[in-house]
Amino acid sequence: MQEPTIRTILDHGVYTITLNRPDVHNALDPSMWRELLGYLQDASVDPAVRVVVLAGAGRSFCAGADVRSFGTIDVGDPMAVLYANDPVWMDVELRVSRLIKNSGICELLYGMGKPTIASVRGAAAGAGFSFATACDFRILSETASFSAAYTRIGSSGDYGITFFLTHLVGPAKARELLFFGDKIDAQSAMKAGLATLVVPDDDLEEETLTMARRLAAGPPVALRLMKQNLLAAQTERLREVLELEGRNMIRTLQTEDSKEAVRAFKEKRQPEFKGR
């Protein structure tokens, strides 16, 4: 029986999505884009999922799109199969629409109301780089490396890479990384502000789970609204952020989780959050 190209597991609130094509550095073929988007859409609304971890099997995180699959169709997509031999399917505007739809992967990693963690071993290139930068946290093994790679195939970049890099490292460094497409190693990524943590290769899974479990034990409603505040802080004026913070603060104080936290503090124990 053939191994799935994407594996998922939910364990005590931590939902781990593992790209599983290690022989091609977890490059994504057409069906994987659809499947990954679906898994993230489900995770974003599943109350049992408190934290999402994105990882890659084998020696690499993700080499981005599988260039060898360019021009092929997703046989699991009925519409793609229906129009496979129709020139309209490869019309520029329809291709743009499909790319924007798949870019929802990064939009969800960045914007869903749950913490997201990229667990990066080896290469994260092209869209794989975008996936990592879209997450709230990036835990890197010492073997990790990032590369925009787009100029190598004569393309301008996609999946939000210009947005994420500009916000993480600033416009000047973003230009350097994108225009040249050079590889940046784990320690350099840490210095540039791309990494949350760099750990020995053998410790990557354990360190990722430690962070994920700590986040999963937190108050889900408060974390969701805190993330909403942080996203607003990147685009809104101070007055709008103050108003949003005020509404969200009062909303969280009315939750059962907030009342549980106060009780636990008084009783000198760890709170047990239910997400209500």
C-alpha atoms as a PDB file:
ATOM      1  CA  MET A   1       0.000   0.000   0.000  1.00  0.00           C
ATOM      2  CA  GLN A   2       1.412   3.387  -1.026  1.00  0.00           C
ATOM      3  CA  GLU A   3       2.341   5.843   1.706  1.00  0.00           C
ATOM      4  CA  PRO A   4       0.167   8.973   1.845  1.00  0.00           C
ATOM      5  CA  THR A   5       1.942  12.072   0.585  1.00  0.00           C
ATOM      6  CA  ILE A   6       0.667  13.998   3.613  1.00  0.00           C
ATOM      7  CA  ARG A   7       0.369  12.483   7.094  1.00  0.00           C
ATOM      8  CA  THR A   8      -1.631  13.970   9.949  1.00  0.00           C
ATOM      9  CA  ILE A   9      -1.955  13.192  13.634  1.00  0.00           C
ATOM     10  CA  LEU A  10      -3.856  14.882  16.456  1.00  0.00           C
ATOM     11  CA  ASP A  11      -2.408  14.345  19.931  1.00  0.00           C
ATOM     12  CA  HIS A  12      -3.712  16.262  22.963  1.00  0.00           C
ATOM     13  CA  GLY A  13      -4.609  19.314  20.923  1.00  0.00           C
ATOM     14  CA  VAL A  14      -1.450  19.314  18.785  1.00  0.00           C
ATOM     15  CA  TYR A  15      -2.270  18.688  15.126  1.00  0.00           C
ATOM     16  CA  THR A  16       0.855  17.748  13.177  1.00  0.00           C
ATOM     17  CA  ILE A  17       0.782  17.845   9.382  1.00  0.00           C
ATOM     18  CA  THR A  18       3.786  16.133   7.808  1.00  0.00           C
ATOM     19  CA  LEU A  19       4.620  16.497   4.129  1.00  0.00           C
ATOM     20  CA  ASN A  20       5.639  12.997   3.114  1.00  0.00           C
ATOM     21  CA  ARG A  21       7.614  12.869  -0.135  1.00  0.00           C
ATOM     22  CA  PRO A  22      11.122  12.662   1.327  1.00  0.00           C
ATOM     23  CA  ASP A  23      12.615  11.313  -1.908  1.00  0.00           C
ATOM     24  CA  VAL A  24      11.955  14.692  -3.587  1.00  0.00           C
ATOM     25  CA  HIS A  25      12.512  16.844  -0.476  1.00  0.00           C
ATOM     26  CA  ASN A  26       8.739  17.036   0.078  1.00  0.00           C
ATOM     27  CA  ALA A  27       8.117  19.018  -3.092  1.00  0.00           C
ATOM     28  CA  LEU A  28       4.375  19.339  -3.644  1.00  0.00           C
ATOM     29  CA  ASP A  29       2.593  17.773  -6.599  1.00  0.00           C
ATOM     30  CA  PRO A  30      -0.882  19.029  -7.698  1.00  0.00           C
ATOM     31  CA  SER A  31      -2.874  16.816  -5.336  1.00  0.00           C
ATOM     32  CA  MET A  32      -0.827  17.854  -2.295  1.00  0.00           C
ATOM     33  CA  TRP A  33      -1.760  21.517  -2.669  1.00  0.00           C
ATOM     34  CA  ARG A  34      -5.449  20.603  -2.496  1.00  0.00           C
ATOM     35  CA  GLU A  35      -4.985  18.172   0.386  1.00  0.00           C
ATOM     36  CA  LEU A  36      -2.845  20.525   2.460  1.00  0.00           C
ATOM     37  CA  LEU A  37      -5.339  23.347   2.021  1.00  0.00           C
ATOM     38  CA  GLY A  38      -8.148  21.010   3.091  1.00  0.00           C
ATOM     39  CA  TYR A  39      -6.329  19.829   6.202  1.00  0.00           C
ATOM     40  CA  LEU A  40      -5.650  23.416   7.267  1.00  0.00           C
ATOM     41  CA  GLN A  41      -9.230  24.501   6.603  1.00  0.00           C
ATOM     42  CA  ASP A  42     -10.478  21.670   8.808  1.00  0.00           C
ATOM     43  CA  ALA A  43      -7.899  22.384  11.516  1.00  0.00           C
ATOM     44  CA  SER A  44      -8.859  26.042  11.648  1.00  0.00           C
ATOM     45  CA  VAL A  45     -12.423  25.216  12.751  1.00  0.00           C
ATOM     46  CA  ASP A  46     -11.901  21.957  14.686  1.00  0.00           C
ATOM     47  CA  PRO A  47     -12.287  22.670  18.433  1.00  0.00           C
ATOM     48  CA  ALA A  48     -10.051  19.692  19.232  1.00  0.00           C
ATOM     49  CA  VAL A  49      -7.135  21.321  17.393  1.00  0.00           C
ATOM     50  CA  ARG A  50      -5.382  23.900  19.533  1.00  0.00           C
ATOM     51  CA  VAL A  51      -2.027  24.134  17.773  1.00  0.00           C
ATOM     52  CA  VAL A  52      -0.948  23.287  14.217  1.00  0.00           C
ATOM     53  CA  VAL A  53       2.554  22.001  13.461  1.00  0.00           C
ATOM     54  CA  LEU A  54       3.805  21.771   9.880  1.00  0.00           C
ATOM     55  CA  ALA A  55       6.772  19.460   9.293  1.00  0.00           C
ATOM     56  CA  GLY A  56       8.514  17.526   6.547  1.00  0.00           C
ATOM     57  CA  ALA A  57       9.488  13.859   6.472  1.00  0.00           C
ATOM     58  CA  GLY A  58      13.109  12.885   6.007  1.00  0.00           C
ATOM     59  CA  ARG A  59      15.991  15.315   5.552  1.00  0.00           C
ATOM     60  CA  SER A  60      14.049  18.328   4.230  1.00  0.00           C
ATOM     61  CA  PHE A  61      11.128  20.518   5.210  1.00  0.00           C
ATOM     62  CA  CYS A  62       9.777  21.384   1.763  1.00  0.00           C
ATOM     63  CA  ALA A  63      11.390  22.224  -1.570  1.00  0.00           C
ATOM     64  CA  GLY A  64       8.248  24.037  -2.730  1.00  0.00           C
ATOM     65  CA  ALA A  65       6.416  23.043  -5.884  1.00  0.00           C
ATOM     66  CA  ASP A  66       7.563  19.958  -7.745  1.00  0.00           C
ATOM     67  CA  VAL A  67       8.754  21.563 -10.983  1.00  0.00           C
ATOM     68  CA  ARG A  68       8.444  18.207 -12.735  1.00  0.00           C
ATOM     69  CA  SER A  69       4.686  18.310 -12.138  1.00  0.00           C
ATOM     70  CA  PHE A  70       4.206  21.696 -13.825  1.00  0.00           C
ATOM     71  CA  GLY A  71       1.482  21.356 -16.448  1.00  0.00           C
ATOM     72  CA  THR A  72       0.010  18.175 -14.960  1.00  0.00           C
ATOM     73  CA  ILE A  73      -3.430  17.979 -13.367  1.00  0.00           C
ATOM     74  CA  ASP A  74      -4.699  16.902  -9.977  1.00  0.00           C
ATOM     75  CA  VAL A  75      -6.494  13.620 -10.728  1.00  0.00           C
ATOM     76  CA  GLY A  76      -8.366  13.982  -7.440  1.00  0.00           C
ATOM     77  CA  ASP A  77      -9.945  17.237  -8.586  1.00  0.00           C
ATOM     78  CA  PRO A  78     -13.076  16.474 -10.676  1.00  0.00           C
ATOM     79  CA  MET A  79     -12.997  19.869 -12.368  1.00  0.00           C
ATOM     80  CA  ALA A  80      -9.350  19.475 -13.368  1.00  0.00           C
ATOM     81  CA  VAL A  81     -10.125  16.062 -14.837  1.00  0.00           C
ATOM     82  CA  LEU A  82     -13.177  17.402 -16.675  1.00  0.00           C
ATOM     83  CA  TYR A  83     -11.227  20.205 -18.348  1.00  0.00           C
ATOM     84  CA  ALA A  84      -7.883  18.430 -18.691  1.00  0.00           C
ATOM     85  CA  ASN A  85      -7.916  18.577 -22.489  1.00  0.00           C
ATOM     86  CA  ASP A  86      -9.642  21.942 -22.805  1.00  0.00           C
ATOM     87  CA  PRO A  87      -7.310  24.905 -23.537  1.00  0.00           C
ATOM     88  CA  VAL A  88      -9.478  27.118 -21.338  1.00  0.00           C
ATOM     89  CA  TRP A  89      -8.161  25.261 -18.268  1.00  0.00           C
ATOM     90  CA  MET A  90      -4.691  26.683 -18.937  1.00  0.00           C
ATOM     91  CA  ASP A  91      -5.969  30.206 -19.557  1.00  0.00           C
ATOM     92  CA  VAL A  92      -3.820  32.719 -17.677  1.00  0.00           C
ATOM     93  CA  GLU A  93      -6.648  34.097 -15.550  1.00  0.00           C
ATOM     94  CA  LEU A  94      -7.847  30.643 -14.515  1.00  0.00           C
ATOM     95  CA  ARG A  95      -4.300  29.657 -13.577  1.00  0.00           C
ATOM     96  CA  VAL A  96      -4.033  32.845 -11.504  1.00  0.00           C
ATOM     97  CA  SER A  97      -7.304  31.963  -9.744  1.00  0.00           C
ATOM     98  CA  ARG A  98      -6.076  28.468  -8.890  1.00  0.00           C
ATOM     99  CA  LEU A  99      -2.789  29.826  -7.564  1.00  0.00           C
ATOM    100  CA  ILE A 100      -4.583  32.353  -5.376  1.00  0.00           C
ATOM    101  CA  LYS A 101      -6.869  29.604  -4.078  1.00  0.00           C
ATOM    102  CA  ASN A 102      -3.887  27.440  -3.113  1.00  0.00           C
ATOM    103  CA  SER A 103      -2.256  30.469  -1.477  1.00  0.00           C
ATOM    104  CA  GLY A 104      -4.956  30.017   1.142  1.00  0.00           C
ATOM    105  CA  ILE A 105      -2.491  27.545   2.682  1.00  0.00           C
ATOM    106  CA  CYS A 106      -0.285  30.408   3.820  1.00  0.00           C
ATOM    107  CA  GLU A 107      -3.236  32.644   4.601  1.00  0.00           C
ATOM    108  CA  LEU A 108      -4.478  30.002   7.050  1.00  0.00           C
ATOM    109  CA  LEU A 109      -1.058  29.337   8.588  1.00  0.00           C
ATOM    110  CA  TYR A 110      -0.727  33.065   9.162  1.00  0.00           C
ATOM    111  CA  GLY A 111      -4.250  34.072  10.075  1.00  0.00           C
ATOM    112  CA  MET A 112      -6.105  31.144  11.654  1.00  0.00           C
ATOM    113  CA  GLY A 113      -7.078  31.731  15.270  1.00  0.00           C
ATOM    114  CA  LYS A 114      -4.643  29.105  16.550  1.00  0.00           C
ATOM    115  CA  PRO A 115      -0.862  29.108  16.986  1.00  0.00           C
ATOM    116  CA  THR A 116       1.062  27.597  14.070  1.00  0.00           C
ATOM    117  CA  ILE A 117       4.592  26.209  14.182  1.00  0.00           C
ATOM    118  CA  ALA A 118       6.935  25.311  11.332  1.00  0.00           C
ATOM    119  CA  SER A 119       9.305  22.519  12.358  1.00  0.00           C
ATOM    120  CA  VAL A 120      12.133  22.885   9.846  1.00  0.00           C
ATOM    121  CA  ARG A 121      14.824  20.328   9.120  1.00  0.00           C
ATOM    122  CA  GLY A 122      16.943  20.716   6.004  1.00  0.00           C
ATOM    123  CA  ALA A 123      15.804  22.754   3.023  1.00  0.00           C
ATOM    124  CA  ALA A 124      12.827  25.103   2.987  1.00  0.00           C
ATOM    125  CA  ALA A 125      12.786  26.581  -0.508  1.00  0.00           C
ATOM    126  CA  GLY A 126      10.304  28.424  -2.694  1.00  0.00           C
ATOM    127  CA  ALA A 127       6.776  27.861  -1.397  1.00  0.00           C
ATOM    128  CA  GLY A 128       8.306  25.829   1.445  1.00  0.00           C
ATOM    129  CA  PHE A 129      10.020  29.033   2.559  1.00  0.00           C
ATOM    130  CA  SER A 130       6.635  30.791   2.368  1.00  0.00           C
ATOM    131  CA  PHE A 131       5.000  28.078   4.484  1.00  0.00           C
ATOM    132  CA  ALA A 132       7.617  28.508   7.206  1.00  0.00           C
ATOM    133  CA  THR A 133       7.471  32.304   7.238  1.00  0.00           C
ATOM    134  CA  ALA A 134       3.654  32.228   7.363  1.00  0.00           C
ATOM    135  CA  CYS A 135       3.698  30.369  10.682  1.00  0.00           C
ATOM    136  CA  ASP A 136       3.709  32.083  14.072  1.00  0.00           C
ATOM    137  CA  PHE A 137       6.864  30.238  15.117  1.00  0.00           C
ATOM    138  CA  ARG A 138       9.763  28.597  13.309  1.00  0.00           C
ATOM    139  CA  ILE A 139      11.819  25.977  15.125  1.00  0.00           C
ATOM    140  CA  LEU A 140      14.903  25.103  13.080  1.00  0.00           C
ATOM    141  CA  SER A 141      17.298  22.216  13.337  1.00  0.00           C
ATOM    142  CA  GLU A 142      20.945  23.050  12.795  1.00  0.00           C
ATOM    143  CA  THR A 143      20.661  21.524   9.315  1.00  0.00           C
ATOM    144  CA  ALA A 144      17.858  23.885   8.281  1.00  0.00           C
ATOM    145  CA  SER A 145      18.255  26.340   5.432  1.00  0.00           C
ATOM    146  CA  PHE A 146      16.017  28.815   3.645  1.00  0.00           C
ATOM    147  CA  SER A 147      16.087  29.857   0.015  1.00  0.00           C
ATOM    148  CA  ALA A 148      13.597  31.924  -1.946  1.00  0.00           C
ATOM    149  CA  ALA A 149      14.747  30.126  -5.110  1.00  0.00           C
ATOM    150  CA  TYR A 150      12.243  31.906  -7.357  1.00  0.00           C
ATOM    151  CA  THR A 151      14.798  33.689  -9.508  1.00  0.00           C
ATOM    152  CA  ARG A 152      16.345  30.308 -10.315  1.00  0.00           C
ATOM    153  CA  ILE A 153      13.267  29.434 -12.352  1.00  0.00           C
ATOM    154  CA  GLY A 154      12.723  32.965 -13.612  1.00  0.00           C
ATOM    155  CA  SER A 155       9.680  33.682 -11.461  1.00  0.00           C
ATOM    156  CA  SER A 156       8.717  36.525  -9.143  1.00  0.00           C
ATOM    157  CA  GLY A 157       7.493  34.625  -6.078  1.00  0.00           C
ATOM    158  CA  ASP A 158       4.139  33.606  -4.635  1.00  0.00           C
ATOM    159  CA  TYR A 159       2.368  32.267  -1.550  1.00  0.00           C
ATOM    160  CA  GLY A 160       2.852  35.537   0.324  1.00  0.00           C
ATOM    161  CA  ILE A 161       6.644  35.367   0.468  1.00  0.00           C
ATOM    162  CA  THR A 162       7.048  39.121  -0.175  1.00  0.00           C
ATOM    163  CA  PHE A 163       4.541  39.934   2.586  1.00  0.00           C
ATOM    164  CA  PHE A 164       5.962  37.554   5.169  1.00  0.00           C
ATOM    165  CA  LEU A 165       9.618  38.368   4.578  1.00  0.00           C
ATOM    166  CA  THR A 166       9.006  42.108   4.621  1.00  0.00           C
ATOM    167  CA  HIS A 167       7.217  41.832   7.969  1.00  0.00           C
ATOM    168  CA  LEU A 168       9.784  39.466   9.489  1.00  0.00           C
ATOM    169  CA  VAL A 169      13.111  40.908   8.369  1.00  0.00           C
ATOM    170  CA  GLY A 170      12.278  44.319   6.883  1.00  0.00           C
ATOM    171  CA  PRO A 171      12.191  45.540   3.280  1.00  0.00           C
ATOM    172  CA  ALA A 172      15.943  45.747   2.694  1.00  0.00           C
ATOM    173  CA  LYS A 173      16.690  42.190   3.859  1.00  0.00           C
ATOM    174  CA  ALA A 174      13.603  40.895   2.047  1.00  0.00           C
ATOM    175  CA  ARG A 175      14.944  42.337  -1.207  1.00  0.00           C
ATOM    176  CA  GLU A 176      18.315  40.701  -0.636  1.00  0.00           C
ATOM    177  CA  LEU A 177      16.798  37.287   0.043  1.00  0.00           C
ATOM    178  CA  LEU A 178      14.368  37.465  -2.870  1.00  0.00           C
ATOM    179  CA  PHE A 179      16.499  39.088  -5.577  1.00  0.00           C
ATOM    180  CA  PHE A 180      19.542  36.869  -5.054  1.00  0.00           C
ATOM    181  CA  GLY A 181      17.775  33.701  -3.872  1.00  0.00           C
ATOM    182  CA  ASP A 182      20.861  32.646  -1.920  1.00  0.00           C
ATOM    183  CA  LYS A 183      20.655  29.945   0.710  1.00  0.00           C
ATOM    184  CA  ILE A 184      20.614  31.143   4.314  1.00  0.00           C
ATOM    185  CA  ASP A 185      21.592  28.669   7.041  1.00  0.00           C
ATOM    186  CA  ALA A 186      19.963  28.214  10.440  1.00  0.00           C
ATOM    187  CA  GLN A 187      22.269  30.495  12.408  1.00  0.00           C
ATOM    188  CA  SER A 188      22.029  33.246   9.808  1.00  0.00           C
ATOM    189  CA  ALA A 189      18.240  32.852   9.834  1.00  0.00           C
ATOM    190  CA  MET A 190      18.284  33.292  13.601  1.00  0.00           C
ATOM    191  CA  LYS A 191      20.294  36.499  13.319  1.00  0.00           C
ATOM    192  CA  ALA A 192      17.977  37.824  10.605  1.00  0.00           C
ATOM    193  CA  GLY A 193      14.871  37.234  12.732  1.00  0.00           C
ATOM    194  CA  LEU A 194      13.565  34.284  10.728  1.00  0.00           C
ATOM    195  CA  ALA A 195      13.913  31.694  13.493  1.00  0.00           C
ATOM    196  CA  THR A 196      12.271  31.387  16.890  1.00  0.00           C
ATOM    197  CA  LEU A 197      14.695  28.712  18.015  1.00  0.00           C
ATOM    198  CA  VAL A 198      17.603  26.707  16.590  1.00  0.00           C
ATOM    199  CA  VAL A 199      18.168  23.257  18.078  1.00  0.00           C
ATOM    200  CA  PRO A 200      20.346  20.189  17.405  1.00  0.00           C
ATOM    201  CA  ASP A 201      18.963  18.057  14.600  1.00  0.00           C
ATOM    202  CA  ASP A 202      18.165  15.130  16.879  1.00  0.00           C
ATOM    203  CA  ASP A 203      16.152  17.384  19.203  1.00  0.00           C
ATOM    204  CA  LEU A 204      13.888  18.991  16.593  1.00  0.00           C
ATOM    205  CA  GLU A 205      10.766  16.870  17.137  1.00  0.00           C
ATOM    206  CA  GLU A 206      11.047  16.985  20.937  1.00  0.00           C
ATOM    207  CA  GLU A 207      11.596  20.752  21.048  1.00  0.00           C
ATOM    208  CA  THR A 208       8.729  21.321  18.623  1.00  0.00           C
ATOM    209  CA  LEU A 209       6.360  19.192  20.691  1.00  0.00           C
ATOM    210  CA  THR A 210       7.458  20.919  23.889  1.00  0.00           C
ATOM    211  CA  MET A 211       6.481  24.296  22.480  1.00  0.00           C
ATOM    212  CA  ALA A 212       3.315  22.959  20.854  1.00  0.00           C
ATOM    213  CA  ARG A 213       2.115  21.256  24.040  1.00  0.00           C
ATOM    214  CA  ARG A 214       2.779  24.383  26.064  1.00  0.00           C
ATOM    215  CA  LEU A 215       0.664  26.400  23.632  1.00  0.00           C
ATOM    216  CA  ALA A 216      -2.026  23.696  23.508  1.00  0.00           C
ATOM    217  CA  ALA A 217      -2.328  23.913  27.301  1.00  0.00           C
ATOM    218  CA  GLY A 218      -3.100  27.626  27.065  1.00  0.00           C
ATOM    219  CA  PRO A 219      -6.531  29.305  26.873  1.00  0.00           C
ATOM    220  CA  PRO A 220      -7.757  28.850  23.267  1.00  0.00           C
ATOM    221  CA  VAL A 221     -10.166  31.800  23.212  1.00  0.00           C
ATOM    222  CA  ALA A 222      -7.581  34.185  24.655  1.00  0.00           C
ATOM    223  CA  LEU A 223      -4.916  32.988  22.211  1.00  0.00           C
ATOM    224  CA  ARG A 224      -7.297  33.375  19.275  1.00  0.00           C
ATOM    225  CA  LEU A 225      -8.215  36.924  20.206  1.00  0.00           C
ATOM    226  CA  MET A 226      -4.619  37.800  21.064  1.00  0.00           C
ATOM    227  CA  LYS A 227      -3.593  36.682  17.589  1.00  0.00           C
ATOM    228  CA  GLN A 228      -6.398  38.810  16.168  1.00  0.00           C
ATOM    229  CA  ASN A 229      -4.975  41.806  18.050  1.00  0.00           C
ATOM    230  CA  LEU A 230      -1.467  41.134  16.750  1.00  0.00           C
ATOM    231  CA  LEU A 231      -2.627  40.868  13.147  1.00  0.00           C
ATOM    232  CA  ALA A 232      -4.562  44.103  13.469  1.00  0.00           C
ATOM    233  CA  ALA A 233      -1.499  45.830  14.924  1.00  0.00           C
ATOM    234  CA  GLN A 234       0.292  45.329  11.598  1.00  0.00           C
ATOM    235  CA  THR A 235      -2.284  47.213   9.538  1.00  0.00           C
ATOM    236  CA  GLU A 236      -4.480  49.377  11.771  1.00  0.00           C
ATOM    237  CA  ARG A 237      -3.928  52.701  13.505  1.00  0.00           C
ATOM    238  CA  LEU A 238      -3.442  52.872  17.271  1.00  0.00           C
ATOM    239  CA  ARG A 239      -7.052  53.882  17.977  1.00  0.00           C
ATOM    240  CA  GLU A 240      -8.435  50.871  16.083  1.00  0.00           C
ATOM    241  CA  VAL A 241      -6.047  48.519  17.878  1.00  0.00           C
ATOM    242  CA  LEU A 242      -6.958  49.981  21.276  1.00  0.00           C
ATOM    243  CA  GLU A 243     -10.641  49.494  20.547  1.00  0.00           C
ATOM    244  CA  LEU A 244     -10.111  45.921  19.363  1.00  0.00           C
ATOM    245  CA  GLU A 245      -7.971  45.116  22.399  1.00  0.00           C
ATOM    246  CA  GLY A 246     -10.634  46.569  24.668  1.00  0.00           C
ATOM    247  CA  ARG A 247     -13.427  44.488  23.158  1.00  0.00           C
ATOM    248  CA  ASN A 248     -11.356  41.333  23.180  1.00  0.00           C
ATOM    249  CA  MET A 249     -10.135  41.885  26.734  1.00  0.00           C
ATOM    250  CA  ILE A 250     -13.671  42.128  28.098  1.00  0.00           C
ATOM    251  CA  ARG A 251     -14.776  39.160  25.974  1.00  0.00           C
ATOM    252  CA  THR A 252     -11.997  36.948  27.338  1.00  0.00           C
ATOM    253  CA  LEU A 253     -12.692  37.976  30.935  1.00  0.00           C
ATOM    254  CA  GLN A 254     -16.227  36.618  30.528  1.00  0.00           C
ATOM    255  CA  THR A 255     -15.052  33.150  29.482  1.00  0.00           C
ATOM    256  CA  GLU A 256     -15.094  30.082  31.681  1.00  0.00           C
ATOM    257  CA  ASP A 257     -11.372  29.724  30.982  1.00  0.00           C
ATOM    258  CA  SER A 258     -10.635  33.134  32.498  1.00  0.00           C
ATOM    259  CA  LYS A 259     -12.627  32.280  35.607  1.00  0.00           C
ATOM    260  CA  GLU A 260     -10.817  28.933  35.798  1.00  0.00           C
ATOM    261  CA  ALA A 261      -7.468  30.731  35.592  1.00  0.00           C
ATOM    262  CA  VAL A 262      -8.393  32.977  38.531  1.00  0.00           C
ATOM    263  CA  ARG A 263      -9.509  29.967  40.584  1.00  0.00           C
ATOM    264  CA  ALA A 264      -6.319  28.082  39.743  1.00  0.00           C
ATOM    265  CA  PHE A 265      -4.198  31.076  40.750  1.00  0.00           C
ATOM    266  CA  LYS A 266      -5.925  31.288  44.118  1.00  0.00           C
ATOM    267  CA  GLU A 267      -5.657  27.522  44.629  1.00  0.00           C
ATOM    268  CA  LYS A 268      -1.997  27.482  43.529  1.00  0.00           C
ATOM    269  CA  ARG A 269      -2.477  24.928  40.755  1.00  0.00           C
ATOM    270  CA  GLN A 270      -2.266  24.793  36.978  1.00  0.00           C
ATOM    271  CA  PRO A 271      -5.481  25.816  35.198  1.00  0.00           C
ATOM    272  CA  GLU A 272      -7.323  23.426  32.911  1.00  0.00           C
ATOM    273  CA  PHE A 273      -8.641  25.324  29.912  1.00  0.00           C
ATOM    274  CA  LYS A 274     -11.662  24.037  27.990  1.00  0.00           C
ATOM    275  CA  GLY A 275     -11.846  26.628  25.239  1.00  0.00           C
ATOM    276  CA  ARG A 276     -15.087  28.127  26.530  1.00  0.00           C
END
